[in-house]
C-alpha atoms as a PDB file:
ATOM      1  CA  UNK A   1     133.186  81.260  76.323  1.00  0.00           C
ATOM      2  CA  UNK A   2     134.414  82.449  79.568  1.00  0.00           C
ATOM      3  CA  UNK A   3     132.565  81.851  82.676  1.00  0.00           C
ATOM      4  CA  UNK A   4     132.475  84.845  85.125  1.00  0.00           C
ATOM      5  CA  UNK A   5     134.667  84.086  88.220  1.00  0.00           C
ATOM      6  CA  UNK A   6     132.572  84.221  91.271  1.00  0.00           C
ATOM      7  CA  UNK A   7     132.893  86.575  93.938  1.00  0.00           C
ATOM      8  CA  UNK A   8     134.303  85.706  97.411  1.00  0.00           C
ATOM      9  CA  UNK A   9     132.011  85.171  99.895  1.00  0.00           C
ATOM     10  CA  UNK A  10     132.807  88.259 102.869  1.00  0.00           C
ATOM     11  CA  UNK A  11     133.375  86.796 106.310  1.00  0.00           C
ATOM     12  CA  UNK A  12     130.718  87.771 108.841  1.00  0.00           C
ATOM     13  CA  UNK A  13     132.612  90.228 111.242  1.00  0.00           C
ATOM     14  CA  UNK A  14     132.032  89.391 114.852  1.00  0.00           C
ATOM     15  CA  UNK A  15     132.303  91.118 117.907  1.00  0.00           C
ATOM     16  CA  UNK A  16     135.796  89.925 119.846  1.00  0.00           C
ATOM     17  CA  UNK A  17     135.032  87.808 122.689  1.00  0.00           C
ATOM     18  CA  UNK A  18     137.701  85.330 124.045  1.00  0.00           C
ATOM     19  CA  UNK A  19     137.508  82.077 123.207  1.00  0.00           C
ATOM     20  CA  UNK A  20     138.294  78.938 125.594  1.00  0.00           C
ATOM     21  CA  UNK A  21     140.642  81.700 128.066  1.00  0.00           C
ATOM     22  CA  UNK A  22     141.990  79.162 130.411  1.00  0.00           C
ATOM     23  CA  UNK A  23     141.273  79.880 133.957  1.00  0.00           C
ATOM     24  CA  UNK A  24     144.510  80.560 136.611  1.00  0.00           C
ATOM     25  CA  UNK A  25     144.816  78.061 138.793  1.00  0.00           C
ATOM     26  CA  UNK A  26     143.182  81.044 141.801  1.00  0.00           C
ATOM     27  CA  UNK A  27     139.881  81.589 138.898  1.00  0.00           C
ATOM     28  CA  UNK A  28     139.528  77.982 138.819  1.00  0.00           C
ATOM     29  CA  UNK A  29     139.508  76.990 142.420  1.00  0.00           C
ATOM     30  CA  UNK A  30     137.103  79.919 142.635  1.00  0.00           C
ATOM     31  CA  UNK A  31     134.973  79.022 140.177  1.00  0.00           C
ATOM     32  CA  UNK A  32     134.399  75.725 142.418  1.00  0.00           C
ATOM     33  CA  UNK A  33     133.784  78.062 145.497  1.00  0.00           C
ATOM     34  CA  UNK A  34     130.940  79.838 143.871  1.00  0.00           C
ATOM     35  CA  UNK A  35     129.665  76.933 142.461  1.00  0.00           C
ATOM     36  CA  UNK A  36     129.142  75.708 146.201  1.00  0.00           C
ATOM     37  CA  UNK A  37     128.405  79.068 147.419  1.00  0.00           C
ATOM     38  CA  UNK A  38     125.804  79.181 144.996  1.00  0.00           C
ATOM     39  CA  UNK A  39     124.208  76.179 145.846  1.00  0.00           C
ATOM     40  CA  UNK A  40     124.115  76.797 150.098  1.00  0.00           C
ATOM     41  CA  UNK A  41     122.566  79.816 149.486  1.00  0.00           C
ATOM     42  CA  UNK A  42     120.118  78.570 147.470  1.00  0.00           C
ATOM     43  CA  UNK A  43     119.160  76.250 149.784  1.00  0.00           C
ATOM     44  CA  UNK A  44     119.144  79.103 152.612  1.00  0.00           C
ATOM     45  CA  UNK A  45     117.042  81.086 150.389  1.00  0.00           C
ATOM     46  CA  UNK A  46     114.743  77.828 150.242  1.00  0.00           C
ATOM     47  CA  UNK A  47     114.814  77.844 154.165  1.00  0.00           C
ATOM     48  CA  UNK A  48     113.699  81.421 154.658  1.00  0.00           C
ATOM     49  CA  UNK A  49     110.308  81.062 152.210  1.00  0.00           C
ATOM     50  CA  UNK A  50     109.116  78.080 154.463  1.00  0.00           C
ATOM     51  CA  UNK A  51     109.681  80.324 157.624  1.00  0.00           C
ATOM     52  CA  UNK A  52     108.095  83.128 155.993  1.00  0.00           C
ATOM     53  CA  UNK A  53     105.187  81.036 155.268  1.00  0.00           C
ATOM     54  CA  UNK A  54     105.234  78.911 159.515  1.00  0.00           C
ATOM     55  CA  UNK A  55     105.981  82.900 161.072  1.00  0.00           C
ATOM     56  CA  UNK A  56     103.443  84.428 158.764  1.00  0.00           C
ATOM     57  CA  UNK A  57     101.173  86.048 161.706  1.00  0.00           C
ATOM     58  CA  UNK A  58     104.304  87.165 163.588  1.00  0.00           C
ATOM     59  CA  UNK A  59     105.055  90.917 162.152  1.00  0.00           C
ATOM     60  CA  UNK A  60     108.529  91.199 163.797  1.00  0.00           C
ATOM     61  CA  UNK A  61     109.993  87.727 162.290  1.00  0.00           C
ATOM     62  CA  UNK A  62     108.483  88.095 158.867  1.00  0.00           C
ATOM     63  CA  UNK A  63     110.700  91.250 158.676  1.00  0.00           C
ATOM     64  CA  UNK A  64     113.267  89.812 159.718  1.00  0.00           C
ATOM     65  CA  UNK A  65     113.001  86.673 157.446  1.00  0.00           C
ATOM     66  CA  UNK A  66     111.561  89.524 154.430  1.00  0.00           C
ATOM     67  CA  UNK A  67     115.248  91.393 154.999  1.00  0.00           C
ATOM     68  CA  UNK A  68     117.210  87.919 155.218  1.00  0.00           C
ATOM     69  CA  UNK A  69     115.506  87.235 151.929  1.00  0.00           C
ATOM     70  CA  UNK A  70     116.591  90.007 149.620  1.00  0.00           C
ATOM     71  CA  UNK A  71     120.111  90.201 151.357  1.00  0.00           C
ATOM     72  CA  UNK A  72     120.509  86.011 150.375  1.00  0.00           C
ATOM     73  CA  UNK A  73     118.853  87.299 146.599  1.00  0.00           C
ATOM     74  CA  UNK A  74     121.713  90.057 146.098  1.00  0.00           C
ATOM     75  CA  UNK A  75     124.188  87.332 147.467  1.00  0.00           C
ATOM     76  CA  UNK A  76     122.659  84.851 144.963  1.00  0.00           C
ATOM     77  CA  UNK A  77     122.741  87.450 142.132  1.00  0.00           C
ATOM     78  CA  UNK A  78     126.118  88.787 142.732  1.00  0.00           C
ATOM     79  CA  UNK A  79     127.568  85.782 142.959  1.00  0.00           C
ATOM     80  CA  UNK A  80     125.942  83.706 140.225  1.00  0.00           C
ATOM     81  CA  UNK A  81     127.429  87.167 138.165  1.00  0.00           C
ATOM     82  CA  UNK A  82     130.601  86.277 139.212  1.00  0.00           C
ATOM     83  CA  UNK A  83     129.828  82.943 137.961  1.00  0.00           C
ATOM     84  CA  UNK A  84     129.349  83.398 134.618  1.00  0.00           C
ATOM     85  CA  UNK A  85     132.356  85.931 134.446  1.00  0.00           C
ATOM     86  CA  UNK A  86     134.701  83.119 134.582  1.00  0.00           C
ATOM     87  CA  UNK A  87     132.775  80.800 132.132  1.00  0.00           C
ATOM     88  CA  UNK A  88     130.808  78.695 134.724  1.00  0.00           C
END
């Protein structure tokens, strides 16, 4: 009674990705700094949005606040992407 030997199951191929890459001291410091900066920018964004509601009838003020809101959103995006790169 010869039983066939089972074929080994193939190991799934996964793309190379850094596993548990240790951050340098400088990167750890940057990561902590980014968290605080993002938090502050989110607060600033909320304040700008409140001001837009408050000054909705002042076209010049709305124009300035809208530009500042776009700038703040862009900064948040840039800092958040870097935060993700560092493994945050």
